[in-house]
Amino acid sequence: MSSTLAKITEIEAEMTPTQKNKATAHHLGLLKARLAKLSPGEGFDVAKTGDSTLLSNLAGVYSEVAAYEFPTLTTVPGVIRHKGAKIQLLDLPGIIKGAKDGKGRGQIIAVAQTCNLILIVLDVLKPLGHKKINENELEGFGIRLNSNPPNIGFKKKDKGGINLTATCPQSELDAETVKSILAKYKIHNADVTLRSDATADDLIDVVEGNRVYIPCIYELYIIYKVPHCVPISAHHRWNFNDLLEKIWDYLKLVRIYTKLKGQLPDYPSPLVLSYSRTTVEDFLGKDHMLEDKDVIQIVKK
């Protein structure tokens, strides 16, 4: 592990002073590919600064609270109810700088990668610095926050070399850079289609194939201009309604009510579906898009 970390440090030291432009894009792409190959796949912890208080007050579940960082050492589950849905919250041990390089507790990464939404409570004294540390550590484990998968087609083949097709102008990637990056993965025959202005990082993410794209909400105890942020006070239970609405929107949930013929809809117990699976076909085998609060009547034959 120490030799791997030394190589990572050496590559990062070479990348830092290198200016990013078209002349250096090829070299930086190679360095990023080498870095991605070396990055360890364990040693992860998730953001902390007041989330134990938030879980305790929001879900009514006790989680260790203290006036110092990292009081939580294990995963603490809780459930909140909103708009008839049960939403599970997990209070995870806190992230530390260098977690992506193997520092800290390693078992949490599997939990974070399977979440539908990540909530990060930012330190009120250093919100932007804290935000950057969390994003860097999560990105080191292949977790991409508030972003979509790169619009890149990639298919390996048995022969024919590297065939690159770009449907729009590219500012960073060219045929030589793409071939060099793929060569680091010992890929010499593949079809690559760039459908947007892609970067070397985008191509590496597609080739690695293990990235996860998760929406994220930042929580801050002051009003601060941070994208995807909700100002709250966990201690005073301030602005919880806005936070719950934001969670609902980012999870993209839809409530579907069912009713039997001649009876009122079952409003207290809706079926809660992901917006990506809201056709009647998903529900009853019919091709019709469902919207939030739609009612489906069930007729027994």
C-alpha atoms as a PDB file:
ATOM      1  CA  MET A   1       0.000   0.000   0.000  1.00  0.00           C
ATOM      2  CA  SER A   2       2.824   2.424   0.862  1.00  0.00           C
ATOM      3  CA  SER A   3       4.428   2.018  -2.583  1.00  0.00           C
ATOM      4  CA  THR A   4       1.045   2.595  -4.254  1.00  0.00           C
ATOM      5  CA  LEU A   5       0.437   5.748  -2.216  1.00  0.00           C
ATOM      6  CA  ALA A   6       3.931   6.957  -3.130  1.00  0.00           C
ATOM      7  CA  LYS A   7       3.151   6.509  -6.836  1.00  0.00           C
ATOM      8  CA  ILE A   8      -0.176   8.337  -6.421  1.00  0.00           C
ATOM      9  CA  THR A   9       1.584  11.213  -4.650  1.00  0.00           C
ATOM     10  CA  GLU A  10       4.216  11.356  -7.395  1.00  0.00           C
ATOM     11  CA  ILE A  11       1.602  11.525 -10.175  1.00  0.00           C
ATOM     12  CA  GLU A  12      -0.453  14.171  -8.342  1.00  0.00           C
ATOM     13  CA  ALA A  13       2.711  16.235  -7.809  1.00  0.00           C
ATOM     14  CA  GLU A  14       3.399  16.107 -11.551  1.00  0.00           C
ATOM     15  CA  MET A  15      -0.186  17.065 -12.428  1.00  0.00           C
ATOM     16  CA  THR A  16      -0.466  20.038 -10.050  1.00  0.00           C
ATOM     17  CA  PRO A  17       1.906  22.501 -11.806  1.00  0.00           C
ATOM     18  CA  THR A  18       0.860  21.424 -15.307  1.00  0.00           C
ATOM     19  CA  GLN A  19      -1.333  24.022 -16.986  1.00  0.00           C
ATOM     20  CA  LYS A  20      -4.452  22.620 -18.613  1.00  0.00           C
ATOM     21  CA  ASN A  21      -4.615  23.460 -22.315  1.00  0.00           C
ATOM     22  CA  LYS A  22      -4.798  21.682 -25.651  1.00  0.00           C
ATOM     23  CA  ALA A  23      -1.022  21.205 -25.771  1.00  0.00           C
ATOM     24  CA  THR A  24      -0.939  19.425 -22.392  1.00  0.00           C
ATOM     25  CA  ALA A  25      -4.271  17.565 -22.687  1.00  0.00           C
ATOM     26  CA  HIS A  26      -2.607  14.422 -24.030  1.00  0.00           C
ATOM     27  CA  HIS A  27      -0.041  14.277 -21.200  1.00  0.00           C
ATOM     28  CA  LEU A  28      -2.642  15.037 -18.506  1.00  0.00           C
ATOM     29  CA  GLY A  29      -4.913  12.352 -19.923  1.00  0.00           C
ATOM     30  CA  LEU A  30      -2.155   9.765 -19.539  1.00  0.00           C
ATOM     31  CA  LEU A  31      -1.469  10.867 -15.959  1.00  0.00           C
ATOM     32  CA  LYS A  32      -5.165  10.671 -15.076  1.00  0.00           C
ATOM     33  CA  ALA A  33      -5.405   7.178 -16.554  1.00  0.00           C
ATOM     34  CA  ARG A  34      -2.382   6.065 -14.502  1.00  0.00           C
ATOM     35  CA  LEU A  35      -3.919   7.639 -11.393  1.00  0.00           C
ATOM     36  CA  ALA A  36      -7.260   5.893 -11.947  1.00  0.00           C
ATOM     37  CA  LYS A  37      -5.498   2.535 -12.267  1.00  0.00           C
ATOM     38  CA  LEU A  38      -3.639   3.075  -8.980  1.00  0.00           C
ATOM     39  CA  SER A  39      -6.501   4.453  -6.872  1.00  0.00           C
ATOM     40  CA  PRO A  40      -7.461   1.979  -4.127  1.00  0.00           C
ATOM     41  CA  GLY A  41     -11.019   0.724  -3.886  1.00  0.00           C
ATOM     42  CA  GLU A  42     -11.498   0.841  -0.128  1.00  0.00           C
ATOM     43  CA  GLY A  43     -10.990   3.065   2.885  1.00  0.00           C
ATOM     44  CA  PHE A  44     -14.087   5.265   2.786  1.00  0.00           C
ATOM     45  CA  ASP A  45     -16.049   7.314   5.297  1.00  0.00           C
ATOM     46  CA  VAL A  46     -18.903   9.746   4.684  1.00  0.00           C
ATOM     47  CA  ALA A  47     -19.258  13.395   5.630  1.00  0.00           C
ATOM     48  CA  LYS A  48     -19.870  14.491   9.222  1.00  0.00           C
ATOM     49  CA  THR A  49     -20.575  17.731  11.062  1.00  0.00           C
ATOM     50  CA  GLY A  50     -23.866  17.711  12.935  1.00  0.00           C
ATOM     51  CA  ASP A  51     -25.636  14.916  11.077  1.00  0.00           C
ATOM     52  CA  SER A  52     -26.084  12.891  14.273  1.00  0.00           C
ATOM     53  CA  THR A  53     -28.170  15.746  15.678  1.00  0.00           C
ATOM     54  CA  LEU A  54     -30.067  15.928  12.392  1.00  0.00           C
ATOM     55  CA  LEU A  55     -30.908  12.210  12.406  1.00  0.00           C
ATOM     56  CA  SER A  56     -31.955  12.320  16.062  1.00  0.00           C
ATOM     57  CA  ASN A  57     -34.336  15.248  15.550  1.00  0.00           C
ATOM     58  CA  LEU A  58     -35.571  14.342  12.070  1.00  0.00           C
ATOM     59  CA  ALA A  59     -36.148  10.606  12.515  1.00  0.00           C
ATOM     60  CA  GLY A  60     -36.408  10.327  16.295  1.00  0.00           C
ATOM     61  CA  VAL A  61     -33.451   7.926  16.428  1.00  0.00           C
ATOM     62  CA  TYR A  62     -30.598   8.284  18.894  1.00  0.00           C
ATOM     63  CA  SER A  63     -27.188   8.719  17.317  1.00  0.00           C
ATOM     64  CA  GLU A  64     -24.109   9.641  19.332  1.00  0.00           C
ATOM     65  CA  VAL A  65     -23.897  13.441  19.571  1.00  0.00           C
ATOM     66  CA  ALA A  66     -20.858  15.317  20.845  1.00  0.00           C
ATOM     67  CA  ALA A  67     -19.192  18.720  20.608  1.00  0.00           C
ATOM     68  CA  TYR A  68     -16.311  17.275  18.595  1.00  0.00           C
ATOM     69  CA  GLU A  69     -15.878  15.703  15.169  1.00  0.00           C
ATOM     70  CA  PHE A  70     -16.475  12.007  14.375  1.00  0.00           C
ATOM     71  CA  PRO A  71     -18.524  10.840  17.394  1.00  0.00           C
ATOM     72  CA  THR A  72     -20.343   8.278  15.204  1.00  0.00           C
ATOM     73  CA  LEU A  73     -18.344   5.084  14.708  1.00  0.00           C
ATOM     74  CA  THR A  74     -20.998   2.772  13.242  1.00  0.00           C
ATOM     75  CA  THR A  75     -23.928   3.099  10.836  1.00  0.00           C
ATOM     76  CA  VAL A  76     -27.104   4.265  12.607  1.00  0.00           C
ATOM     77  CA  PRO A  77     -30.364   3.762  10.644  1.00  0.00           C
ATOM     78  CA  GLY A  78     -33.524   5.823  10.957  1.00  0.00           C
ATOM     79  CA  VAL A  79     -36.794   6.293   9.060  1.00  0.00           C
ATOM     80  CA  ILE A  80     -38.661   9.492   8.253  1.00  0.00           C
ATOM     81  CA  ARG A  81     -42.210   9.659   6.912  1.00  0.00           C
ATOM     82  CA  HIS A  82     -43.020  12.244   4.272  1.00  0.00           C
ATOM     83  CA  LYS A  83     -46.043  12.426   1.967  1.00  0.00           C
ATOM     84  CA  GLY A  84     -47.003   8.892   2.903  1.00  0.00           C
ATOM     85  CA  ALA A  85     -43.578   7.466   2.052  1.00  0.00           C
ATOM     86  CA  LYS A  86     -41.071   5.857   4.381  1.00  0.00           C
ATOM     87  CA  ILE A  87     -37.570   7.151   3.629  1.00  0.00           C
ATOM     88  CA  GLN A  88     -34.638   5.444   5.308  1.00  0.00           C
ATOM     89  CA  LEU A  89     -31.773   7.607   6.565  1.00  0.00           C
ATOM     90  CA  LEU A  90     -28.348   6.259   7.503  1.00  0.00           C
ATOM     91  CA  ASP A  91     -26.002   8.205   9.769  1.00  0.00           C
ATOM     92  CA  LEU A  92     -22.547   7.088   8.635  1.00  0.00           C
ATOM     93  CA  PRO A  93     -19.113   7.591  10.215  1.00  0.00           C
ATOM     94  CA  GLY A  94     -17.412  10.794   9.119  1.00  0.00           C
ATOM     95  CA  ILE A  95     -15.082  11.308   6.212  1.00  0.00           C
ATOM     96  CA  ILE A  96     -11.443  12.244   6.721  1.00  0.00           C
ATOM     97  CA  LYS A  97      -9.006  13.788   4.299  1.00  0.00           C
ATOM     98  CA  GLY A  98      -7.085  10.999   2.611  1.00  0.00           C
ATOM     99  CA  ALA A  99      -9.894   8.436   2.858  1.00  0.00           C
ATOM    100  CA  LYS A 100      -9.629   7.768  -0.878  1.00  0.00           C
ATOM    101  CA  ASP A 101      -5.987   6.772  -0.295  1.00  0.00           C
ATOM    102  CA  GLY A 102      -6.893   4.142   2.281  1.00  0.00           C
ATOM    103  CA  LYS A 103      -7.156   6.152   5.506  1.00  0.00           C
ATOM    104  CA  GLY A 104     -10.082   5.709   7.888  1.00  0.00           C
ATOM    105  CA  ARG A 105     -12.780   3.052   8.007  1.00  0.00           C
ATOM    106  CA  GLY A 106     -13.196   1.042   4.819  1.00  0.00           C
ATOM    107  CA  GLN A 107     -16.528  -0.763   5.203  1.00  0.00           C
ATOM    108  CA  ILE A 108     -18.780   2.250   4.547  1.00  0.00           C
ATOM    109  CA  ILE A 109     -18.060   2.570   0.818  1.00  0.00           C
ATOM    110  CA  ALA A 110     -20.493  -0.209  -0.130  1.00  0.00           C
ATOM    111  CA  VAL A 111     -23.283   1.565   1.764  1.00  0.00           C
ATOM    112  CA  ALA A 112     -22.645   4.963   0.166  1.00  0.00           C
ATOM    113  CA  GLN A 113     -22.474   3.558  -3.367  1.00  0.00           C
ATOM    114  CA  THR A 114     -25.921   1.970  -3.063  1.00  0.00           C
ATOM    115  CA  CYS A 115     -27.686   5.066  -1.700  1.00  0.00           C
ATOM    116  CA  ASN A 116     -30.271   6.922  -3.773  1.00  0.00           C
ATOM    117  CA  LEU A 117     -29.282  10.272  -2.255  1.00  0.00           C
ATOM    118  CA  ILE A 118     -26.368  11.591  -0.183  1.00  0.00           C
ATOM    119  CA  LEU A 119     -26.815  14.321   2.436  1.00  0.00           C
ATOM    120  CA  ILE A 120     -23.656  16.167   3.455  1.00  0.00           C
ATOM    121  CA  VAL A 121     -23.722  18.424   6.512  1.00  0.00           C
ATOM    122  CA  LEU A 122     -21.129  21.157   5.969  1.00  0.00           C
ATOM    123  CA  ASP A 123     -18.998  22.698   8.693  1.00  0.00           C
ATOM    124  CA  VAL A 124     -20.359  26.201   9.324  1.00  0.00           C
ATOM    125  CA  LEU A 125     -16.848  27.569   9.979  1.00  0.00           C
ATOM    126  CA  LYS A 126     -15.340  26.274   6.723  1.00  0.00           C
ATOM    127  CA  PRO A 127     -18.189  25.239   4.399  1.00  0.00           C
ATOM    128  CA  LEU A 128     -16.412  25.522   1.050  1.00  0.00           C
ATOM    129  CA  GLY A 129     -13.239  23.798   2.251  1.00  0.00           C
ATOM    130  CA  HIS A 130     -15.272  21.043   3.878  1.00  0.00           C
ATOM    131  CA  LYS A 131     -17.354  20.661   0.711  1.00  0.00           C
ATOM    132  CA  LYS A 132     -14.241  20.313  -1.458  1.00  0.00           C
ATOM    133  CA  ILE A 133     -12.690  17.668   0.817  1.00  0.00           C
ATOM    134  CA  ASN A 134     -15.871  15.587   0.774  1.00  0.00           C
ATOM    135  CA  GLU A 135     -16.249  15.823  -2.998  1.00  0.00           C
ATOM    136  CA  ASN A 136     -12.597  14.887  -3.598  1.00  0.00           C
ATOM    137  CA  GLU A 137     -12.764  11.862  -1.309  1.00  0.00           C
ATOM    138  CA  LEU A 138     -16.068  10.630  -2.754  1.00  0.00           C
ATOM    139  CA  GLU A 139     -14.817  11.150  -6.296  1.00  0.00           C
ATOM    140  CA  GLY A 140     -11.734   9.097  -5.461  1.00  0.00           C
ATOM    141  CA  PHE A 141     -14.062   6.157  -4.875  1.00  0.00           C
ATOM    142  CA  GLY A 142     -15.935   6.624  -8.136  1.00  0.00           C
ATOM    143  CA  ILE A 143     -18.952   8.440  -6.655  1.00  0.00           C
ATOM    144  CA  ARG A 144     -20.057  11.340  -8.858  1.00  0.00           C
ATOM    145  CA  LEU A 145     -22.315  13.873  -7.140  1.00  0.00           C
ATOM    146  CA  ASN A 146     -25.100  15.742  -8.953  1.00  0.00           C
ATOM    147  CA  SER A 147     -23.878  14.743 -12.395  1.00  0.00           C
ATOM    148  CA  ASN A 148     -24.960  12.451 -15.208  1.00  0.00           C
ATOM    149  CA  PRO A 149     -22.981   9.640 -16.850  1.00  0.00           C
ATOM    150  CA  PRO A 150     -20.778  10.896 -19.722  1.00  0.00           C
ATOM    151  CA  ASN A 151     -22.498  10.768 -23.094  1.00  0.00           C
ATOM    152  CA  ILE A 152     -19.851   8.473 -24.544  1.00  0.00           C
ATOM    153  CA  GLY A 153     -20.385   5.248 -26.438  1.00  0.00           C
ATOM    154  CA  PHE A 154     -17.708   2.632 -25.756  1.00  0.00           C
ATOM    155  CA  LYS A 155     -17.562  -0.909 -27.106  1.00  0.00           C
ATOM    156  CA  LYS A 156     -14.567  -3.219 -27.134  1.00  0.00           C
ATOM    157  CA  LYS A 157     -14.039  -5.474 -30.139  1.00  0.00           C
ATOM    158  CA  ASP A 158     -11.661  -8.210 -31.273  1.00  0.00           C
ATOM    159  CA  LYS A 159      -9.907  -6.362 -34.100  1.00  0.00           C
ATOM    160  CA  GLY A 160      -9.911  -3.194 -36.186  1.00  0.00           C
ATOM    161  CA  GLY A 161      -8.007  -0.862 -33.853  1.00  0.00           C
ATOM    162  CA  ILE A 162      -9.469   2.201 -32.155  1.00  0.00           C
ATOM    163  CA  ASN A 163     -12.294   3.798 -34.121  1.00  0.00           C
ATOM    164  CA  LEU A 164     -13.126   7.289 -32.803  1.00  0.00           C
ATOM    165  CA  THR A 165     -16.286   9.145 -33.823  1.00  0.00           C
ATOM    166  CA  ALA A 166     -17.211  12.606 -32.509  1.00  0.00           C
ATOM    167  CA  THR A 167     -20.668  14.052 -33.158  1.00  0.00           C
ATOM    168  CA  CYS A 168     -19.638  17.511 -31.896  1.00  0.00           C
ATOM    169  CA  PRO A 169     -16.396  19.552 -31.621  1.00  0.00           C
ATOM    170  CA  GLN A 170     -13.947  18.344 -28.944  1.00  0.00           C
ATOM    171  CA  SER A 171     -11.793  20.736 -26.903  1.00  0.00           C
ATOM    172  CA  GLU A 172      -9.710  18.102 -25.093  1.00  0.00           C
ATOM    173  CA  LEU A 173      -9.920  14.636 -26.619  1.00  0.00           C
ATOM    174  CA  ASP A 174      -8.447  13.698 -29.981  1.00  0.00           C
ATOM    175  CA  ALA A 175      -7.616  10.347 -31.578  1.00  0.00           C
ATOM    176  CA  GLU A 176      -4.089  10.238 -30.142  1.00  0.00           C
ATOM    177  CA  THR A 177      -5.233  11.032 -26.581  1.00  0.00           C
ATOM    178  CA  VAL A 178      -8.050   8.475 -26.731  1.00  0.00           C
ATOM    179  CA  LYS A 179      -5.701   5.756 -28.007  1.00  0.00           C
ATOM    180  CA  SER A 180      -3.120   6.563 -25.317  1.00  0.00           C
ATOM    181  CA  ILE A 181      -5.697   6.416 -22.504  1.00  0.00           C
ATOM    182  CA  LEU A 182      -7.145   3.129 -23.759  1.00  0.00           C
ATOM    183  CA  ALA A 183      -3.634   1.690 -24.111  1.00  0.00           C
ATOM    184  CA  LYS A 184      -3.159   2.164 -20.353  1.00  0.00           C
ATOM    185  CA  TYR A 185      -6.020  -0.322 -19.952  1.00  0.00           C
ATOM    186  CA  LYS A 186      -4.498  -2.624 -22.585  1.00  0.00           C
ATOM    187  CA  ILE A 187      -7.394  -1.867 -24.918  1.00  0.00           C
ATOM    188  CA  HIS A 188      -6.280  -1.663 -28.551  1.00  0.00           C
ATOM    189  CA  ASN A 189      -9.530  -2.465 -30.364  1.00  0.00           C
ATOM    190  CA  ALA A 190     -12.681  -0.505 -29.579  1.00  0.00           C
ATOM    191  CA  ASP A 191     -15.342   1.820 -30.972  1.00  0.00           C
ATOM    192  CA  VAL A 192     -15.585   5.157 -29.130  1.00  0.00           C
ATOM    193  CA  THR A 193     -18.341   7.685 -29.836  1.00  0.00           C
ATOM    194  CA  LEU A 194     -18.141  11.149 -28.245  1.00  0.00           C
ATOM    195  CA  ARG A 195     -21.629  12.687 -28.218  1.00  0.00           C
ATOM    196  CA  SER A 196     -20.643  15.735 -26.137  1.00  0.00           C
ATOM    197  CA  ASP A 197     -17.503  17.785 -25.466  1.00  0.00           C
ATOM    198  CA  ALA A 198     -15.868  15.114 -23.297  1.00  0.00           C
ATOM    199  CA  THR A 199     -12.801  15.206 -21.062  1.00  0.00           C
ATOM    200  CA  ALA A 200     -10.154  12.621 -20.268  1.00  0.00           C
ATOM    201  CA  ASP A 201     -11.883  12.084 -16.905  1.00  0.00           C
ATOM    202  CA  ASP A 202     -15.157  11.333 -18.709  1.00  0.00           C
ATOM    203  CA  LEU A 203     -13.509   8.715 -20.912  1.00  0.00           C
ATOM    204  CA  ILE A 204     -11.733   7.126 -17.943  1.00  0.00           C
ATOM    205  CA  ASP A 205     -15.031   6.917 -16.036  1.00  0.00           C
ATOM    206  CA  VAL A 206     -16.667   5.110 -18.960  1.00  0.00           C
ATOM    207  CA  VAL A 207     -13.758   2.697 -19.389  1.00  0.00           C
ATOM    208  CA  GLU A 208     -13.584   1.950 -15.660  1.00  0.00           C
ATOM    209  CA  GLY A 209     -17.309   1.169 -15.747  1.00  0.00           C
ATOM    210  CA  ASN A 210     -17.744   1.239 -11.956  1.00  0.00           C
ATOM    211  CA  ARG A 211     -18.768   4.850 -11.374  1.00  0.00           C
ATOM    212  CA  VAL A 212     -22.042   5.655  -9.629  1.00  0.00           C
ATOM    213  CA  TYR A 213     -23.966   8.892 -10.139  1.00  0.00           C
ATOM    214  CA  ILE A 214     -25.843  10.002  -7.030  1.00  0.00           C
ATOM    215  CA  PRO A 215     -27.752  13.225  -6.302  1.00  0.00           C
ATOM    216  CA  CYS A 216     -26.477  15.133  -3.279  1.00  0.00           C
ATOM    217  CA  ILE A 217     -27.919  17.790  -0.956  1.00  0.00           C
ATOM    218  CA  TYR A 218     -25.648  19.952   1.180  1.00  0.00           C
ATOM    219  CA  GLU A 219     -26.953  21.063   4.571  1.00  0.00           C
ATOM    220  CA  LEU A 220     -25.592  24.176   6.202  1.00  0.00           C
ATOM    221  CA  TYR A 221     -26.482  25.927   9.448  1.00  0.00           C
ATOM    222  CA  ILE A 222     -26.321  29.369   7.841  1.00  0.00           C
ATOM    223  CA  ILE A 223     -27.710  30.836   4.632  1.00  0.00           C
ATOM    224  CA  TYR A 224     -24.878  30.457   2.136  1.00  0.00           C
ATOM    225  CA  LYS A 225     -24.745  30.480  -1.643  1.00  0.00           C
ATOM    226  CA  VAL A 226     -23.789  26.858  -2.249  1.00  0.00           C
ATOM    227  CA  PRO A 227     -25.444  24.940  -5.123  1.00  0.00           C
ATOM    228  CA  HIS A 228     -27.790  22.126  -4.032  1.00  0.00           C
ATOM    229  CA  CYS A 229     -27.752  23.534  -0.485  1.00  0.00           C
ATOM    230  CA  VAL A 230     -30.530  23.797   2.129  1.00  0.00           C
ATOM    231  CA  PRO A 231     -29.945  26.060   5.166  1.00  0.00           C
ATOM    232  CA  ILE A 232     -31.129  24.292   8.334  1.00  0.00           C
ATOM    233  CA  SER A 233     -30.637  24.122  12.083  1.00  0.00           C
ATOM    234  CA  ALA A 234     -30.744  20.544  13.337  1.00  0.00           C
ATOM    235  CA  HIS A 235     -30.614  21.677  16.962  1.00  0.00           C
ATOM    236  CA  HIS A 236     -33.515  24.141  16.655  1.00  0.00           C
ATOM    237  CA  ARG A 237     -35.390  22.019  14.068  1.00  0.00           C
ATOM    238  CA  TRP A 238     -35.433  24.990  11.699  1.00  0.00           C
ATOM    239  CA  ASN A 239     -36.346  24.616   8.010  1.00  0.00           C
ATOM    240  CA  PHE A 240     -36.918  20.855   8.185  1.00  0.00           C
ATOM    241  CA  ASN A 241     -39.911  21.147   5.827  1.00  0.00           C
ATOM    242  CA  ASP A 242     -37.766  22.644   3.063  1.00  0.00           C
ATOM    243  CA  LEU A 243     -35.180  19.910   3.592  1.00  0.00           C
ATOM    244  CA  LEU A 244     -37.819  17.171   3.326  1.00  0.00           C
ATOM    245  CA  GLU A 245     -39.228  18.731   0.149  1.00  0.00           C
ATOM    246  CA  LYS A 246     -35.728  18.886  -1.342  1.00  0.00           C
ATOM    247  CA  ILE A 247     -35.115  15.241  -0.431  1.00  0.00           C
ATOM    248  CA  TRP A 248     -38.408  14.297  -2.103  1.00  0.00           C
ATOM    249  CA  ASP A 249     -37.543  16.246  -5.265  1.00  0.00           C
ATOM    250  CA  TYR A 250     -34.009  14.850  -5.546  1.00  0.00           C
ATOM    251  CA  LEU A 251     -35.233  11.278  -5.037  1.00  0.00           C
ATOM    252  CA  LYS A 252     -37.807  11.888  -7.824  1.00  0.00           C
ATOM    253  CA  LEU A 253     -40.577   9.978  -6.089  1.00  0.00           C
ATOM    254  CA  VAL A 254     -44.185   9.701  -7.241  1.00  0.00           C
ATOM    255  CA  ARG A 255     -47.234   8.722  -5.150  1.00  0.00           C
ATOM    256  CA  ILE A 256     -49.843   6.475  -6.752  1.00  0.00           C
ATOM    257  CA  TYR A 257     -53.137   5.868  -4.950  1.00  0.00           C
ATOM    258  CA  THR A 258     -55.182   2.727  -5.494  1.00  0.00           C
ATOM    259  CA  LYS A 259     -58.912   2.267  -5.038  1.00  0.00           C
ATOM    260  CA  LEU A 260     -61.450  -0.486  -5.371  1.00  0.00           C
ATOM    261  CA  LYS A 261     -64.606   0.132  -7.380  1.00  0.00           C
ATOM    262  CA  GLY A 262     -67.136   2.055  -5.328  1.00  0.00           C
ATOM    263  CA  GLN A 263     -64.629   2.967  -2.612  1.00  0.00           C
ATOM    264  CA  LEU A 264     -62.469   5.994  -1.845  1.00  0.00           C
ATOM    265  CA  PRO A 265     -58.760   5.943  -2.800  1.00  0.00           C
ATOM    266  CA  ASP A 266     -56.373   4.648  -0.155  1.00  0.00           C
ATOM    267  CA  TYR A 267     -54.834   8.067   0.549  1.00  0.00           C
ATOM    268  CA  PRO A 268     -53.081   7.112   3.828  1.00  0.00           C
ATOM    269  CA  SER A 269     -51.036   4.363   2.118  1.00  0.00           C
ATOM    270  CA  PRO A 270     -49.871   5.384  -1.370  1.00  0.00           C
ATOM    271  CA  LEU A 271     -47.596   3.296  -3.538  1.00  0.00           C
ATOM    272  CA  VAL A 272     -44.339   5.237  -3.850  1.00  0.00           C
ATOM    273  CA  LEU A 273     -42.464   4.738  -7.127  1.00  0.00           C
ATOM    274  CA  SER A 274     -39.314   6.141  -8.664  1.00  0.00           C
ATOM    275  CA  TYR A 275     -40.089   8.601 -11.474  1.00  0.00           C
ATOM    276  CA  SER A 276     -38.054   6.399 -13.840  1.00  0.00           C
ATOM    277  CA  ARG A 277     -40.596   3.601 -13.347  1.00  0.00           C
ATOM    278  CA  THR A 278     -43.955   5.351 -13.499  1.00  0.00           C
ATOM    279  CA  THR A 279     -45.748   3.826 -16.462  1.00  0.00           C
ATOM    280  CA  VAL A 280     -48.848   1.779 -15.870  1.00  0.00           C
ATOM    281  CA  GLU A 281     -46.876  -1.017 -17.546  1.00  0.00           C
ATOM    282  CA  ASP A 282     -44.507  -0.987 -14.566  1.00  0.00           C
ATOM    283  CA  PHE A 283     -47.539  -1.157 -12.333  1.00  0.00           C
ATOM    284  CA  LEU A 284     -50.212  -3.099 -14.227  1.00  0.00           C
ATOM    285  CA  GLY A 285     -48.739  -3.858 -17.653  1.00  0.00           C
ATOM    286  CA  LYS A 286     -50.184  -0.850 -19.525  1.00  0.00           C
ATOM    287  CA  ASP A 287     -48.258   1.831 -21.434  1.00  0.00           C
ATOM    288  CA  HIS A 288     -49.347   5.081 -19.771  1.00  0.00           C
ATOM    289  CA  MET A 289     -47.237   7.584 -17.831  1.00  0.00           C
ATOM    290  CA  LEU A 290     -48.315   8.123 -14.237  1.00  0.00           C
ATOM    291  CA  GLU A 291     -48.000  11.448 -12.434  1.00  0.00           C
ATOM    292  CA  ASP A 292     -47.778  12.242  -8.736  1.00  0.00           C
ATOM    293  CA  LYS A 293     -51.114  11.711  -6.923  1.00  0.00           C
ATOM    294  CA  ASP A 294     -52.680   9.717  -9.786  1.00  0.00           C
ATOM    295  CA  VAL A 295     -55.389   7.258  -8.754  1.00  0.00           C
ATOM    296  CA  ILE A 296     -55.664   3.754 -10.217  1.00  0.00           C
ATOM    297  CA  GLN A 297     -58.938   1.907  -9.819  1.00  0.00           C
ATOM    298  CA  ILE A 298     -58.657  -1.834  -9.372  1.00  0.00           C
ATOM    299  CA  VAL A 299     -61.629  -3.810 -10.697  1.00  0.00           C
ATOM    300  CA  LYS A 300     -61.920  -7.418  -9.607  1.00  0.00           C
ATOM    301  CA  LYS A 301     -63.250  -9.807 -12.238  1.00  0.00           C
END
